[in-house]
Amino acid sequence: MKLVLIEWVDSHGPVEGWRVLEGELRPEVLKCKSVGWLIHDGEDCKIVVPHIAGDESDGIPFQGRGDLTIPCRSITALKELK
């Protein structure tokens, strides 16, 4: 398993409720960064998990928390961390 930094873009809607649209819209994507263990490296998506625990040698099943699936078409950069 590799520890990675993934930079990706997402949609956003920063204001809740009704609002006047003229002059208030921000036509840009939301730039995101995620760090985690790359547990799935597919052609369509990547899955990163920031928190892992367990050790098969100690009889504790490998487990994770906070998994995030990112579509590959949203990824702008992927860097392996050491």
PDB file of N, CA and C in Angstrom:
ATOM      1  N   MET A   1       0.837  -1.178   0.000  1.00  0.00           N
ATOM      2  CA  MET A   1       0.000   0.000   0.000  1.00  0.00           C
ATOM      3  C   MET A   1       0.886   1.247   0.000  1.00  0.00           C
ATOM      4  N   LYS A   2       0.504   2.226  -0.812  1.00  0.00           N
ATOM      5  CA  LYS A   2       1.267   3.469  -0.905  1.00  0.00           C
ATOM      6  C   LYS A   2       0.547   4.595  -0.170  1.00  0.00           C
ATOM      7  N   LEU A   3       1.329   5.461   0.475  1.00  0.00           N
ATOM      8  CA  LEU A   3       0.810   6.683   1.055  1.00  0.00           C
ATOM      9  C   LEU A   3       0.893   7.749  -0.034  1.00  0.00           C
ATOM     10  N   VAL A   4      -0.234   8.430  -0.333  1.00  0.00           N
ATOM     11  CA  VAL A   4      -0.265   9.363  -1.459  1.00  0.00           C
ATOM     12  C   VAL A   4      -0.911  10.698  -1.083  1.00  0.00           C
ATOM     13  N   LEU A   5      -0.560  11.710  -1.863  1.00  0.00           N
ATOM     14  CA  LEU A   5      -1.231  13.001  -1.864  1.00  0.00           C
ATOM     15  C   LEU A   5      -1.946  13.097  -3.201  1.00  0.00           C
ATOM     16  N   ILE A   6      -3.260  13.266  -3.165  1.00  0.00           N
ATOM     17  CA  ILE A   6      -4.045  13.412  -4.390  1.00  0.00           C
ATOM     18  C   ILE A   6      -4.612  14.826  -4.425  1.00  0.00           C
ATOM     19  N   GLU A   7      -4.353  15.526  -5.532  1.00  0.00           N
ATOM     20  CA  GLU A   7      -4.965  16.824  -5.769  1.00  0.00           C
ATOM     21  C   GLU A   7      -6.085  16.603  -6.770  1.00  0.00           C
ATOM     22  N   TRP A   8      -7.257  17.177  -6.470  1.00  0.00           N
ATOM     23  CA  TRP A   8      -8.415  16.928  -7.318  1.00  0.00           C
ATOM     24  C   TRP A   8      -9.376  18.102  -7.252  1.00  0.00           C
ATOM     25  N   VAL A   9     -10.290  18.141  -8.205  1.00  0.00           N
ATOM     26  CA  VAL A   9     -11.274  19.225  -8.252  1.00  0.00           C
ATOM     27  C   VAL A   9     -12.667  18.667  -7.999  1.00  0.00           C
ATOM     28  N   ASP A  10     -13.517  19.511  -7.413  1.00  0.00           N
ATOM     29  CA  ASP A  10     -14.868  19.098  -7.057  1.00  0.00           C
ATOM     30  C   ASP A  10     -15.819  20.261  -7.318  1.00  0.00           C
ATOM     31  N   SER A  11     -17.090  19.958  -7.299  1.00  0.00           N
ATOM     32  CA  SER A  11     -18.103  21.008  -7.395  1.00  0.00           C
ATOM     33  C   SER A  11     -18.351  21.562  -5.995  1.00  0.00           C
ATOM     34  N   HIS A  12     -18.996  22.725  -5.924  1.00  0.00           N
ATOM     35  CA  HIS A  12     -19.279  23.296  -4.607  1.00  0.00           C
ATOM     36  C   HIS A  12     -20.503  24.189  -4.666  1.00  0.00           C
ATOM     37  N   GLY A  13     -21.070  24.408  -3.537  1.00  0.00           N
ATOM     38  CA  GLY A  13     -22.192  25.313  -3.362  1.00  0.00           C
ATOM     39  C   GLY A  13     -22.062  25.949  -1.992  1.00  0.00           C
ATOM     40  N   PRO A  14     -21.309  27.039  -1.865  1.00  0.00           N
ATOM     41  CA  PRO A  14     -20.951  27.565  -0.562  1.00  0.00           C
ATOM     42  C   PRO A  14     -22.080  28.239   0.223  1.00  0.00           C
ATOM     43  N   VAL A  15     -23.179  28.592  -0.432  1.00  0.00           N
ATOM     44  CA  VAL A  15     -24.235  29.314   0.264  1.00  0.00           C
ATOM     45  C   VAL A  15     -25.506  28.469   0.284  1.00  0.00           C
ATOM     46  N   GLU A  16     -26.125  28.358   1.442  1.00  0.00           N
ATOM     47  CA  GLU A  16     -27.380  27.620   1.556  1.00  0.00           C
ATOM     48  C   GLU A  16     -28.556  28.553   1.305  1.00  0.00           C
ATOM     49  N   GLY A  17     -29.636  27.986   0.848  1.00  0.00           N
ATOM     50  CA  GLY A  17     -30.861  28.754   0.671  1.00  0.00           C
ATOM     51  C   GLY A  17     -30.891  29.565  -0.609  1.00  0.00           C
ATOM     52  N   TRP A  18     -31.941  30.375  -0.737  1.00  0.00           N
ATOM     53  CA  TRP A  18     -32.142  31.200  -1.921  1.00  0.00           C
ATOM     54  C   TRP A  18     -31.267  32.444  -1.850  1.00  0.00           C
ATOM     55  N   ARG A  19     -30.817  32.907  -3.017  1.00  0.00           N
ATOM     56  CA  ARG A  19     -30.029  34.130  -3.077  1.00  0.00           C
ATOM     57  C   ARG A  19     -30.130  34.747  -4.462  1.00  0.00           C
ATOM     58  N   VAL A  20     -29.795  36.002  -4.565  1.00  0.00           N
ATOM     59  CA  VAL A  20     -29.755  36.682  -5.849  1.00  0.00           C
ATOM     60  C   VAL A  20     -28.561  36.142  -6.624  1.00  0.00           C
ATOM     61  N   LEU A  21     -28.778  35.730  -7.870  1.00  0.00           N
ATOM     62  CA  LEU A  21     -27.714  35.104  -8.644  1.00  0.00           C
ATOM     63  C   LEU A  21     -26.799  36.096  -9.351  1.00  0.00           C
ATOM     64  N   GLU A  22     -27.337  37.237  -9.733  1.00  0.00           N
ATOM     65  CA  GLU A  22     -26.532  38.199 -10.476  1.00  0.00           C
ATOM     66  C   GLU A  22     -25.378  38.728  -9.637  1.00  0.00           C
ATOM     67  N   GLY A  23     -24.173  38.574 -10.144  1.00  0.00           N
ATOM     68  CA  GLY A  23     -22.995  39.123  -9.481  1.00  0.00           C
ATOM     69  C   GLY A  23     -22.469  38.317  -8.308  1.00  0.00           C
ATOM     70  N   GLU A  24     -23.150  37.263  -7.888  1.00  0.00           N
ATOM     71  CA  GLU A  24     -22.704  36.509  -6.716  1.00  0.00           C
ATOM     72  C   GLU A  24     -22.098  35.154  -7.046  1.00  0.00           C
ATOM     73  N   LEU A  25     -22.250  34.691  -8.267  1.00  0.00           N
ATOM     74  CA  LEU A  25     -21.738  33.362  -8.621  1.00  0.00           C
ATOM     75  C   LEU A  25     -20.234  33.384  -8.806  1.00  0.00           C
ATOM     76  N   ARG A  26     -19.593  32.294  -8.415  1.00  0.00           N
ATOM     77  CA  ARG A  26     -18.148  32.146  -8.603  1.00  0.00           C
ATOM     78  C   ARG A  26     -17.930  30.970  -9.554  1.00  0.00           C
ATOM     79  N   PRO A  27     -17.733  31.244 -10.831  1.00  0.00           N
ATOM     80  CA  PRO A  27     -17.597  30.162 -11.810  1.00  0.00           C
ATOM     81  C   PRO A  27     -16.217  29.503 -11.773  1.00  0.00           C
ATOM     82  N   GLU A  28     -15.995  28.705 -10.752  1.00  0.00           N
ATOM     83  CA  GLU A  28     -14.721  28.004 -10.605  1.00  0.00           C
ATOM     84  C   GLU A  28     -14.953  26.698  -9.861  1.00  0.00           C
ATOM     85  N   VAL A  29     -14.013  25.780 -10.046  1.00  0.00           N
ATOM     86  CA  VAL A  29     -14.110  24.503  -9.334  1.00  0.00           C
ATOM     87  C   VAL A  29     -13.408  24.630  -7.989  1.00  0.00           C
ATOM     88  N   LEU A  30     -13.741  23.743  -7.086  1.00  0.00           N
ATOM     89  CA  LEU A  30     -13.129  23.713  -5.765  1.00  0.00           C
ATOM     90  C   LEU A  30     -11.891  22.823  -5.834  1.00  0.00           C
ATOM     91  N   LYS A  31     -10.726  23.361  -5.516  1.00  0.00           N
ATOM     92  CA  LYS A  31      -9.481  22.594  -5.535  1.00  0.00           C
ATOM     93  C   LYS A  31      -9.297  21.908  -4.187  1.00  0.00           C
ATOM     94  N   CYS A  32      -9.116  20.599  -4.214  1.00  0.00           N
ATOM     95  CA  CYS A  32      -9.027  19.795  -2.993  1.00  0.00           C
ATOM     96  C   CYS A  32      -7.700  19.044  -2.939  1.00  0.00           C
ATOM     97  N   LYS A  33      -7.281  18.689  -1.730  1.00  0.00           N
ATOM     98  CA  LYS A  33      -6.100  17.855  -1.513  1.00  0.00           C
ATOM     99  C   LYS A  33      -6.464  16.809  -0.470  1.00  0.00           C
ATOM    100  N   SER A  34      -6.098  15.568  -0.744  1.00  0.00           N
ATOM    101  CA  SER A  34      -6.358  14.473   0.195  1.00  0.00           C
ATOM    102  C   SER A  34      -5.097  13.647   0.355  1.00  0.00           C
ATOM    103  N   VAL A  35      -4.820  13.238   1.594  1.00  0.00           N
ATOM    104  CA  VAL A  35      -3.676  12.374   1.902  1.00  0.00           C
ATOM    105  C   VAL A  35      -4.215  11.101   2.533  1.00  0.00           C
ATOM    106  N   GLY A  36      -3.714   9.968   2.082  1.00  0.00           N
ATOM    107  CA  GLY A  36      -4.141   8.708   2.667  1.00  0.00           C
ATOM    108  C   GLY A  36      -3.457   7.528   2.009  1.00  0.00           C
ATOM    109  N   TRP A  37      -3.801   6.362   2.503  1.00  0.00           N
ATOM    110  CA  TRP A  37      -3.268   5.123   1.952  1.00  0.00           C
ATOM    111  C   TRP A  37      -4.109   4.753   0.732  1.00  0.00           C
ATOM    112  N   LEU A  38      -3.454   4.514  -0.394  1.00  0.00           N
ATOM    113  CA  LEU A  38      -4.134   4.172  -1.640  1.00  0.00           C
ATOM    114  C   LEU A  38      -4.501   2.695  -1.586  1.00  0.00           C
ATOM    115  N   ILE A  39      -5.785   2.410  -1.331  1.00  0.00           N
ATOM    116  CA  ILE A  39      -6.202   1.016  -1.205  1.00  0.00           C
ATOM    117  C   ILE A  39      -6.846   0.489  -2.488  1.00  0.00           C
ATOM    118  N   HIS A  40      -7.176   1.391  -3.412  1.00  0.00           N
ATOM    119  CA  HIS A  40      -7.681   0.976  -4.729  1.00  0.00           C
ATOM    120  C   HIS A  40      -7.136   1.957  -5.758  1.00  0.00           C
ATOM    121  N   ASP A  41      -6.475   1.419  -6.783  1.00  0.00           N
ATOM    122  CA  ASP A  41      -5.850   2.230  -7.826  1.00  0.00           C
ATOM    123  C   ASP A  41      -6.433   1.819  -9.172  1.00  0.00           C
ATOM    124  N   GLY A  42      -7.712   2.139  -9.383  1.00  0.00           N
ATOM    125  CA  GLY A  42      -8.402   1.723 -10.590  1.00  0.00           C
ATOM    126  C   GLY A  42      -8.282   2.729 -11.722  1.00  0.00           C
ATOM    127  N   GLU A  43      -8.788   2.337 -12.887  1.00  0.00           N
ATOM    128  CA  GLU A  43      -8.778   3.225 -14.047  1.00  0.00           C
ATOM    129  C   GLU A  43      -9.862   4.297 -13.934  1.00  0.00           C
ATOM    130  N   ASP A  44     -10.960   3.987 -13.249  1.00  0.00           N
ATOM    131  CA  ASP A  44     -12.076   4.934 -13.112  1.00  0.00           C
ATOM    132  C   ASP A  44     -12.022   5.739 -11.825  1.00  0.00           C
ATOM    133  N   CYS A  45     -11.454   5.151 -10.767  1.00  0.00           N
ATOM    134  CA  CYS A  45     -11.417   5.856  -9.485  1.00  0.00           C
ATOM    135  C   CYS A  45     -10.262   5.356  -8.631  1.00  0.00           C
ATOM    136  N   LYS A  46      -9.915   6.174  -7.658  1.00  0.00           N
ATOM    137  CA  LYS A  46      -8.917   5.840  -6.637  1.00  0.00           C
ATOM    138  C   LYS A  46      -9.626   5.907  -5.289  1.00  0.00           C
ATOM    139  N   ILE A  47      -9.234   5.034  -4.363  1.00  0.00           N
ATOM    140  CA  ILE A  47      -9.776   5.090  -3.006  1.00  0.00           C
ATOM    141  C   ILE A  47      -8.610   5.287  -2.038  1.00  0.00           C
ATOM    142  N   VAL A  48      -8.717   6.355  -1.213  1.00  0.00           N
ATOM    143  CA  VAL A  48      -7.715   6.617  -0.185  1.00  0.00           C
ATOM    144  C   VAL A  48      -8.374   6.515   1.189  1.00  0.00           C
ATOM    145  N   VAL A  49      -7.588   6.024   2.144  1.00  0.00           N
ATOM    146  CA  VAL A  49      -8.046   5.892   3.529  1.00  0.00           C
ATOM    147  C   VAL A  49      -6.995   6.561   4.417  1.00  0.00           C
ATOM    148  N   PRO A  50      -7.387   7.613   5.159  1.00  0.00           N
ATOM    149  CA  PRO A  50      -6.405   8.320   5.979  1.00  0.00           C
ATOM    150  C   PRO A  50      -6.050   7.622   7.289  1.00  0.00           C
ATOM    151  N   HIS A  51      -6.929   6.764   7.775  1.00  0.00           N
ATOM    152  CA  HIS A  51      -6.698   6.125   9.078  1.00  0.00           C
ATOM    153  C   HIS A  51      -6.765   4.616   8.914  1.00  0.00           C
ATOM    154  N   ILE A  52      -5.682   3.929   9.278  1.00  0.00           N
ATOM    155  CA  ILE A  52      -5.668   2.470   9.202  1.00  0.00           C
ATOM    156  C   ILE A  52      -5.198   1.885  10.523  1.00  0.00           C
ATOM    157  N   ALA A  53      -5.621   0.658  10.772  1.00  0.00           N
ATOM    158  CA  ALA A  53      -5.236  -0.041  11.996  1.00  0.00           C
ATOM    159  C   ALA A  53      -5.229  -1.531  11.712  1.00  0.00           C
ATOM    160  N   GLY A  54      -4.624  -2.269  12.608  1.00  0.00           N
ATOM    161  CA  GLY A  54      -4.614  -3.721  12.497  1.00  0.00           C
ATOM    162  C   GLY A  54      -3.283  -4.247  12.017  1.00  0.00           C
ATOM    163  N   ASP A  55      -3.055  -5.495  12.346  1.00  0.00           N
ATOM    164  CA  ASP A  55      -1.824  -6.169  11.942  1.00  0.00           C
ATOM    165  C   ASP A  55      -2.140  -7.654  11.895  1.00  0.00           C
ATOM    166  N   GLU A  56      -2.161  -8.215  10.711  1.00  0.00           N
ATOM    167  CA  GLU A  56      -2.510  -9.632  10.545  1.00  0.00           C
ATOM    168  C   GLU A  56      -1.621 -10.534  11.403  1.00  0.00           C
ATOM    169  N   SER A  57      -0.350 -10.139  11.600  1.00  0.00           N
ATOM    170  CA  SER A  57       0.547 -10.983  12.387  1.00  0.00           C
ATOM    171  C   SER A  57       0.145 -11.026  13.866  1.00  0.00           C
ATOM    172  N   ASP A  58      -0.584 -10.015  14.329  1.00  0.00           N
ATOM    173  CA  ASP A  58      -1.069  -9.991  15.705  1.00  0.00           C
ATOM    174  C   ASP A  58      -2.497 -10.516  15.816  1.00  0.00           C
ATOM    175  N   GLY A  59      -3.071 -10.958  14.695  1.00  0.00           N
ATOM    176  CA  GLY A  59      -4.422 -11.488  14.700  1.00  0.00           C
ATOM    177  C   GLY A  59      -5.511 -10.424  14.689  1.00  0.00           C
ATOM    178  N   ILE A  60      -5.122  -9.175  14.477  1.00  0.00           N
ATOM    179  CA  ILE A  60      -6.105  -8.091  14.398  1.00  0.00           C
ATOM    180  C   ILE A  60      -6.383  -7.827  12.922  1.00  0.00           C
ATOM    181  N   PRO A  61      -7.641  -7.941  12.486  1.00  0.00           N
ATOM    182  CA  PRO A  61      -7.930  -7.727  11.070  1.00  0.00           C
ATOM    183  C   PRO A  61      -7.599  -6.300  10.633  1.00  0.00           C
ATOM    184  N   PHE A  62      -7.065  -6.179   9.428  1.00  0.00           N
ATOM    185  CA  PHE A  62      -6.739  -4.881   8.846  1.00  0.00           C
ATOM    186  C   PHE A  62      -8.029  -4.096   8.651  1.00  0.00           C
ATOM    187  N   GLN A  63      -8.055  -2.838   9.098  1.00  0.00           N
ATOM    188  CA  GLN A  63      -9.258  -2.021   8.984  1.00  0.00           C
ATOM    189  C   GLN A  63      -8.899  -0.563   8.728  1.00  0.00           C
ATOM    190  N   GLY A  64      -9.871   0.196   8.224  1.00  0.00           N
ATOM    191  CA  GLY A  64      -9.636   1.602   7.924  1.00  0.00           C
ATOM    192  C   GLY A  64     -10.863   2.438   8.213  1.00  0.00           C
ATOM    193  N   ARG A  65     -10.651   3.748   8.292  1.00  0.00           N
ATOM    194  CA  ARG A  65     -11.758   4.679   8.565  1.00  0.00           C
ATOM    195  C   ARG A  65     -11.546   5.949   7.746  1.00  0.00           C
ATOM    196  N   GLY A  66     -12.636   6.472   7.206  1.00  0.00           N
ATOM    197  CA  GLY A  66     -12.578   7.731   6.464  1.00  0.00           C
ATOM    198  C   GLY A  66     -12.278   7.551   4.990  1.00  0.00           C
ATOM    199  N   ASP A  67     -12.641   6.385   4.430  1.00  0.00           N
ATOM    200  CA  ASP A  67     -12.322   6.138   3.017  1.00  0.00           C
ATOM    201  C   ASP A  67     -12.999   7.166   2.113  1.00  0.00           C
ATOM    202  N   LEU A  68     -12.294   7.543   1.050  1.00  0.00           N
ATOM    203  CA  LEU A  68     -12.785   8.517   0.090  1.00  0.00           C
ATOM    204  C   LEU A  68     -12.530   7.987  -1.312  1.00  0.00           C
ATOM    205  N   THR A  69     -13.584   7.915  -2.125  1.00  0.00           N
ATOM    206  CA  THR A  69     -13.471   7.496  -3.515  1.00  0.00           C
ATOM    207  C   THR A  69     -13.429   8.745  -4.387  1.00  0.00           C
ATOM    208  N   ILE A  70     -12.375   8.870  -5.199  1.00  0.00           N
ATOM    209  CA  ILE A  70     -12.193  10.041  -6.058  1.00  0.00           C
ATOM    210  C   ILE A  70     -12.199   9.579  -7.512  1.00  0.00           C
ATOM    211  N   PRO A  71     -13.096  10.103  -8.342  1.00  0.00           N
ATOM    212  CA  PRO A  71     -13.091   9.744  -9.757  1.00  0.00           C
ATOM    213  C   PRO A  71     -11.784  10.197 -10.416  1.00  0.00           C
ATOM    214  N   CYS A  72     -11.195   9.353 -11.256  1.00  0.00           N
ATOM    215  CA  CYS A  72      -9.930   9.691 -11.919  1.00  0.00           C
ATOM    216  C   CYS A  72     -10.043  10.957 -12.758  1.00  0.00           C
ATOM    217  N   ARG A  73     -11.207  11.203 -13.345  1.00  0.00           N
ATOM    218  CA  ARG A  73     -11.357  12.396 -14.182  1.00  0.00           C
ATOM    219  C   ARG A  73     -11.273  13.684 -13.361  1.00  0.00           C
ATOM    220  N   SER A  74     -11.394  13.591 -12.035  1.00  0.00           N
ATOM    221  CA  SER A  74     -11.292  14.765 -11.168  1.00  0.00           C
ATOM    222  C   SER A  74      -9.871  14.998 -10.659  1.00  0.00           C
ATOM    223  N   ILE A  75      -8.993  14.004 -10.829  1.00  0.00           N
ATOM    224  CA  ILE A  75      -7.630  14.082 -10.277  1.00  0.00           C
ATOM    225  C   ILE A  75      -6.734  14.924 -11.181  1.00  0.00           C
ATOM    226  N   THR A  76      -6.071  15.926 -10.567  1.00  0.00           N
ATOM    227  CA  THR A  76      -5.141  16.767 -11.307  1.00  0.00           C
ATOM    228  C   THR A  76      -3.686  16.400 -11.035  1.00  0.00           C
ATOM    229  N   ALA A  77      -3.428  15.743  -9.910  1.00  0.00           N
ATOM    230  CA  ALA A  77      -2.060  15.303  -9.571  1.00  0.00           C
ATOM    231  C   ALA A  77      -2.134  14.204  -8.525  1.00  0.00           C
ATOM    232  N   LEU A  78      -1.186  13.281  -8.593  1.00  0.00           N
ATOM    233  CA  LEU A  78      -1.077  12.206  -7.610  1.00  0.00           C
ATOM    234  C   LEU A  78       0.405  12.000  -7.337  1.00  0.00           C
ATOM    235  N   LYS A  79       0.782  12.099  -6.058  1.00  0.00           N
ATOM    236  CA  LYS A  79       2.189  11.989  -5.672  1.00  0.00           C
ATOM    237  C   LYS A  79       2.327  10.978  -4.545  1.00  0.00           C
ATOM    238  N   GLU A  80       3.258  10.054  -4.703  1.00  0.00           N
ATOM    239  CA  GLU A  80       3.534   9.110  -3.628  1.00  0.00           C
ATOM    240  C   GLU A  80       4.374   9.800  -2.562  1.00  0.00           C
ATOM    241  N   LEU A  81       4.019   9.611  -1.303  1.00  0.00           N
ATOM    242  CA  LEU A  81       4.743  10.199  -0.183  1.00  0.00           C
ATOM    243  C   LEU A  81       5.631   9.149   0.458  1.00  0.00           C
ATOM    244  N   LYS A  82       6.723   9.566   1.003  1.00  0.00           N
ATOM    245  CA  LYS A  82       7.661   8.638   1.652  1.00  0.00           C
ATOM    246  C   LYS A  82       7.617   8.814   3.148  1.00  0.00           C
TER     247      LYS A  82
END
